[in-house]
N, C-alpha and C. Protein backbone atom coordinates (compact mmCIF):
# COMPACT_ATOMS: atom_id res chain seq x y z
N MET A 1 -73.49 5.42 48.27
CA MET A 1 -72.25 6.08 48.62
C MET A 1 -71.50 5.18 49.60
N SER A 2 -70.27 4.88 49.27
CA SER A 2 -69.49 4.03 50.17
C SER A 2 -68.57 4.90 51.01
N THR A 3 -68.37 4.46 52.19
CA THR A 3 -67.45 5.19 53.07
C THR A 3 -66.27 4.30 53.39
N THR A 4 -65.12 4.86 53.29
CA THR A 4 -63.90 4.14 53.62
C THR A 4 -63.31 4.76 54.86
N ALA A 5 -63.08 3.92 55.83
CA ALA A 5 -62.52 4.43 57.09
C ALA A 5 -61.09 4.89 56.87
N SER A 6 -60.77 6.01 57.45
CA SER A 6 -59.40 6.50 57.39
C SER A 6 -58.55 5.68 58.34
N PRO A 7 -57.32 5.40 57.96
CA PRO A 7 -56.46 4.66 58.89
C PRO A 7 -56.20 5.49 60.14
N LEU A 8 -56.15 4.81 61.25
CA LEU A 8 -55.86 5.51 62.50
C LEU A 8 -54.41 5.96 62.50
N PRO A 9 -54.14 7.12 63.08
CA PRO A 9 -52.74 7.56 63.15
C PRO A 9 -51.94 6.59 64.01
N ALA A 10 -50.69 6.44 63.65
CA ALA A 10 -49.81 5.54 64.40
C ALA A 10 -49.63 6.06 65.81
N GLY A 11 -49.40 5.15 66.73
CA GLY A 11 -49.13 5.53 68.11
C GLY A 11 -47.73 6.10 68.25
N VAL A 12 -47.46 6.65 69.40
CA VAL A 12 -46.16 7.28 69.66
C VAL A 12 -45.01 6.30 69.43
N PRO A 13 -45.05 5.07 69.96
CA PRO A 13 -43.91 4.17 69.73
C PRO A 13 -43.66 3.90 68.24
N GLU A 14 -44.73 3.73 67.48
CA GLU A 14 -44.57 3.49 66.05
C GLU A 14 -43.99 4.71 65.34
N ARG A 15 -44.47 5.88 65.73
CA ARG A 15 -43.97 7.10 65.10
C ARG A 15 -42.52 7.35 65.45
N LEU A 16 -42.14 7.11 66.72
CA LEU A 16 -40.74 7.28 67.11
C LEU A 16 -39.86 6.24 66.43
N GLY A 17 -40.43 5.09 66.10
CA GLY A 17 -39.67 4.04 65.43
C GLY A 17 -39.18 4.45 64.06
N SER A 18 -39.82 5.44 63.45
CA SER A 18 -39.37 5.91 62.14
C SER A 18 -38.35 7.03 62.24
N THR A 19 -37.99 7.42 63.45
CA THR A 19 -36.99 8.46 63.66
C THR A 19 -35.62 7.93 63.28
N ALA A 20 -34.84 8.74 62.58
CA ALA A 20 -33.49 8.34 62.17
C ALA A 20 -32.46 9.11 62.98
N PHE A 21 -31.32 8.49 63.16
CA PHE A 21 -30.24 9.11 63.92
C PHE A 21 -28.97 9.08 63.09
N ASP A 22 -28.30 10.21 63.00
CA ASP A 22 -26.97 10.30 62.39
C ASP A 22 -26.00 10.42 63.54
N THR A 23 -25.45 9.29 63.95
CA THR A 23 -24.63 9.22 65.15
C THR A 23 -23.22 9.72 64.90
N ASP A 24 -22.78 10.60 65.76
CA ASP A 24 -21.40 11.11 65.75
C ASP A 24 -20.59 10.20 66.67
N GLU A 25 -19.87 9.27 66.09
CA GLU A 25 -19.12 8.29 66.88
C GLU A 25 -17.93 8.89 67.62
N GLU A 26 -17.52 10.09 67.23
CA GLU A 26 -16.34 10.71 67.83
C GLU A 26 -16.65 11.66 68.98
N PHE A 27 -17.91 12.02 69.15
CA PHE A 27 -18.22 13.10 70.08
C PHE A 27 -19.58 12.88 70.73
N SER A 28 -19.60 12.70 72.03
CA SER A 28 -20.85 12.57 72.76
C SER A 28 -21.36 13.95 73.15
N HIS A 29 -22.64 14.19 72.97
CA HIS A 29 -23.20 15.49 73.35
C HIS A 29 -23.77 15.49 74.77
N ILE A 30 -23.66 14.35 75.46
CA ILE A 30 -24.11 14.24 76.85
C ILE A 30 -22.97 13.67 77.69
N ARG A 31 -22.73 14.32 78.81
CA ARG A 31 -21.77 13.77 79.77
C ARG A 31 -22.37 13.92 81.16
N VAL A 32 -22.43 12.82 81.87
CA VAL A 32 -22.92 12.84 83.25
C VAL A 32 -21.73 13.17 84.15
N VAL A 33 -21.88 14.19 84.97
CA VAL A 33 -20.85 14.55 85.95
C VAL A 33 -21.13 13.68 87.18
N GLN A 34 -20.42 12.56 87.25
CA GLN A 34 -20.77 11.49 88.18
C GLN A 34 -20.77 11.92 89.64
N ASP A 35 -19.79 12.70 90.07
CA ASP A 35 -19.75 13.07 91.49
C ASP A 35 -20.95 13.94 91.88
N VAL A 36 -21.32 14.87 91.00
CA VAL A 36 -22.49 15.72 91.27
C VAL A 36 -23.77 14.89 91.17
N ALA A 37 -23.84 14.03 90.17
CA ALA A 37 -25.02 13.19 89.99
C ALA A 37 -25.25 12.29 91.19
N GLU A 38 -24.17 11.73 91.72
CA GLU A 38 -24.30 10.86 92.89
C GLU A 38 -24.74 11.66 94.12
N ALA A 39 -24.13 12.82 94.32
CA ALA A 39 -24.44 13.64 95.50
C ALA A 39 -25.88 14.17 95.48
N THR A 40 -26.45 14.33 94.29
CA THR A 40 -27.80 14.89 94.17
C THR A 40 -28.86 13.84 93.83
N ASN A 41 -28.45 12.57 93.78
CA ASN A 41 -29.35 11.48 93.41
C ASN A 41 -30.03 11.75 92.07
N ALA A 42 -29.25 12.21 91.10
CA ALA A 42 -29.77 12.55 89.78
C ALA A 42 -30.42 11.37 89.08
N ALA A 43 -29.97 10.17 89.36
CA ALA A 43 -30.55 8.98 88.71
C ALA A 43 -32.05 8.88 88.96
N ALA A 44 -32.49 9.28 90.14
CA ALA A 44 -33.92 9.21 90.47
C ALA A 44 -34.75 10.11 89.56
N ILE A 45 -34.13 11.12 88.97
CA ILE A 45 -34.82 12.02 88.05
C ILE A 45 -34.57 11.60 86.61
N LEU A 46 -33.31 11.37 86.25
CA LEU A 46 -32.94 11.13 84.86
C LEU A 46 -33.50 9.83 84.28
N VAL A 47 -33.42 8.77 85.04
CA VAL A 47 -33.85 7.47 84.50
C VAL A 47 -35.33 7.47 84.12
N PRO A 48 -36.24 7.90 84.99
CA PRO A 48 -37.65 7.84 84.61
C PRO A 48 -38.13 8.96 83.68
N ILE A 49 -37.43 10.08 83.64
CA ILE A 49 -37.95 11.23 82.90
C ILE A 49 -37.63 11.20 81.41
N CYS A 50 -36.60 10.50 81.01
CA CYS A 50 -36.17 10.51 79.61
C CYS A 50 -37.10 9.68 78.74
N PRO A 51 -37.75 10.29 77.73
CA PRO A 51 -38.66 9.52 76.88
C PRO A 51 -37.95 8.50 76.00
N ALA A 52 -36.66 8.68 75.77
CA ALA A 52 -35.90 7.75 74.92
C ALA A 52 -35.17 6.69 75.74
N LYS A 53 -35.32 6.73 77.05
CA LYS A 53 -34.65 5.77 77.94
C LYS A 53 -33.13 5.80 77.75
N VAL A 54 -32.58 7.00 77.63
CA VAL A 54 -31.14 7.18 77.43
C VAL A 54 -30.36 6.83 78.70
N TYR A 55 -30.93 7.10 79.86
CA TYR A 55 -30.19 6.95 81.12
C TYR A 55 -30.53 5.64 81.82
N SER A 56 -29.50 5.04 82.41
CA SER A 56 -29.67 3.84 83.23
C SER A 56 -28.61 3.88 84.32
N VAL A 57 -28.77 3.02 85.30
CA VAL A 57 -27.82 2.97 86.41
C VAL A 57 -26.99 1.70 86.29
N ALA A 58 -25.68 1.87 86.32
CA ALA A 58 -24.74 0.74 86.25
C ALA A 58 -24.70 0.03 87.60
N PRO A 59 -24.21 -1.21 87.63
CA PRO A 59 -24.10 -1.93 88.91
C PRO A 59 -23.30 -1.18 89.97
N ASP A 60 -22.34 -0.36 89.54
CA ASP A 60 -21.54 0.39 90.52
C ASP A 60 -22.23 1.67 90.99
N GLY A 61 -23.45 1.94 90.48
CA GLY A 61 -24.20 3.13 90.89
C GLY A 61 -24.01 4.33 90.00
N SER A 62 -23.08 4.27 89.07
CA SER A 62 -22.88 5.40 88.15
C SER A 62 -24.03 5.44 87.15
N ILE A 63 -24.24 6.61 86.55
CA ILE A 63 -25.31 6.78 85.57
C ILE A 63 -24.70 6.63 84.18
N LEU A 64 -25.29 5.74 83.39
CA LEU A 64 -24.86 5.55 82.01
C LEU A 64 -25.77 6.37 81.11
N ALA A 65 -25.20 6.94 80.05
CA ALA A 65 -25.98 7.71 79.08
C ALA A 65 -25.74 7.14 77.69
N GLU A 66 -26.77 6.53 77.12
CA GLU A 66 -26.71 6.01 75.75
C GLU A 66 -27.06 7.16 74.81
N TRP A 67 -26.13 8.09 74.66
CA TRP A 67 -26.38 9.36 73.98
C TRP A 67 -26.80 9.19 72.52
N ALA A 68 -26.44 8.10 71.88
CA ALA A 68 -26.81 7.91 70.48
C ALA A 68 -28.31 7.78 70.28
N ALA A 69 -29.05 7.41 71.33
CA ALA A 69 -30.51 7.26 71.24
C ALA A 69 -31.26 8.53 71.63
N CYS A 70 -30.54 9.59 71.95
CA CYS A 70 -31.15 10.83 72.45
C CYS A 70 -32.06 11.49 71.42
N LEU A 71 -33.25 11.89 71.84
CA LEU A 71 -34.19 12.60 70.98
C LEU A 71 -33.97 14.11 70.99
N GLU A 72 -33.00 14.57 71.76
CA GLU A 72 -32.63 15.98 71.84
C GLU A 72 -33.78 16.88 72.28
N CYS A 73 -34.64 16.36 73.15
CA CYS A 73 -35.79 17.14 73.61
C CYS A 73 -35.42 18.11 74.72
N GLY A 74 -34.32 17.84 75.44
CA GLY A 74 -33.88 18.72 76.51
C GLY A 74 -34.54 18.50 77.85
N THR A 75 -35.40 17.50 77.95
CA THR A 75 -36.09 17.23 79.21
C THR A 75 -35.10 16.97 80.33
N CYS A 76 -34.09 16.17 80.05
CA CYS A 76 -33.11 15.84 81.10
C CYS A 76 -32.38 17.08 81.58
N LEU A 77 -32.03 17.94 80.67
CA LEU A 77 -31.30 19.15 81.04
C LEU A 77 -32.15 20.06 81.92
N ALA A 78 -33.44 20.14 81.60
CA ALA A 78 -34.34 20.98 82.38
C ALA A 78 -34.60 20.41 83.78
N ALA A 79 -34.60 19.08 83.90
CA ALA A 79 -34.97 18.44 85.16
C ALA A 79 -33.80 18.04 86.04
N ALA A 80 -32.63 17.85 85.45
CA ALA A 80 -31.48 17.34 86.20
C ALA A 80 -31.01 18.34 87.25
N PRO A 81 -30.51 17.84 88.36
CA PRO A 81 -29.92 18.73 89.35
C PRO A 81 -28.78 19.54 88.71
N GLU A 82 -28.68 20.78 89.12
CA GLU A 82 -27.68 21.68 88.54
C GLU A 82 -26.28 21.08 88.64
N GLY A 83 -25.59 21.10 87.50
CA GLY A 83 -24.22 20.63 87.45
C GLY A 83 -24.04 19.14 87.25
N SER A 84 -25.15 18.38 87.20
CA SER A 84 -25.02 16.93 87.06
C SER A 84 -24.88 16.47 85.62
N LEU A 85 -25.21 17.34 84.67
CA LEU A 85 -25.09 17.01 83.25
C LEU A 85 -24.35 18.10 82.50
N GLU A 86 -23.56 17.68 81.54
CA GLU A 86 -23.05 18.59 80.51
C GLU A 86 -23.75 18.14 79.24
N TRP A 87 -24.59 18.99 78.68
CA TRP A 87 -25.44 18.62 77.55
C TRP A 87 -25.45 19.76 76.55
N HIS A 88 -25.31 19.42 75.29
CA HIS A 88 -25.45 20.40 74.20
C HIS A 88 -25.91 19.64 72.97
N TYR A 89 -26.38 20.35 71.99
CA TYR A 89 -26.82 19.68 70.77
C TYR A 89 -25.63 19.06 70.06
N PRO A 90 -25.84 17.97 69.31
CA PRO A 90 -24.75 17.36 68.56
C PRO A 90 -24.18 18.32 67.52
N ARG A 91 -22.96 18.01 67.08
CA ARG A 91 -22.33 18.83 66.04
C ARG A 91 -23.20 18.82 64.79
N GLY A 92 -23.03 19.86 63.97
CA GLY A 92 -23.80 19.99 62.74
C GLY A 92 -23.71 18.74 61.88
N GLY A 93 -24.85 18.33 61.34
CA GLY A 93 -24.89 17.15 60.49
C GLY A 93 -25.14 15.86 61.26
N PHE A 94 -25.16 15.93 62.58
CA PHE A 94 -25.37 14.74 63.40
C PHE A 94 -26.60 14.94 64.28
N GLY A 95 -27.08 13.83 64.82
CA GLY A 95 -28.20 13.89 65.75
C GLY A 95 -29.45 13.27 65.18
N VAL A 96 -30.56 13.63 65.78
CA VAL A 96 -31.85 13.03 65.44
C VAL A 96 -32.43 13.69 64.19
N ARG A 97 -33.09 12.88 63.36
CA ARG A 97 -33.84 13.37 62.20
C ARG A 97 -35.26 12.84 62.35
N TYR A 98 -36.17 13.73 62.71
CA TYR A 98 -37.56 13.33 62.91
C TYR A 98 -38.23 13.10 61.57
N ARG A 99 -39.03 12.06 61.50
CA ARG A 99 -39.77 11.75 60.28
C ARG A 99 -41.25 12.09 60.45
N GLU A 100 -41.68 12.25 61.68
CA GLU A 100 -43.10 12.50 61.98
C GLU A 100 -43.22 13.72 62.88
N GLY A 101 -43.14 14.90 62.34
CA GLY A 101 -43.35 16.11 63.12
C GLY A 101 -42.26 16.36 64.03
């Protein structure tokens, strides 16, 4: 009797790599409210917490949001200081399409 090893499941980065995005070029579903974000130091929370690395800090200290890469998990909305983000799901037909669960 021969045994064939089952392939190991792909790691998280590989599985996320198969995720597809239907980007809405006309409408961003994330907006950083810069004055509130600055006053509450939201960057200290948003930059490290986002699994898709959507948030970064510009040289002028403002927070940039690469919304097209968003996985729509809602982590940022749950963790961000109140009022620092305006976030909603993308319009119908746009956004993330998961291929692996």
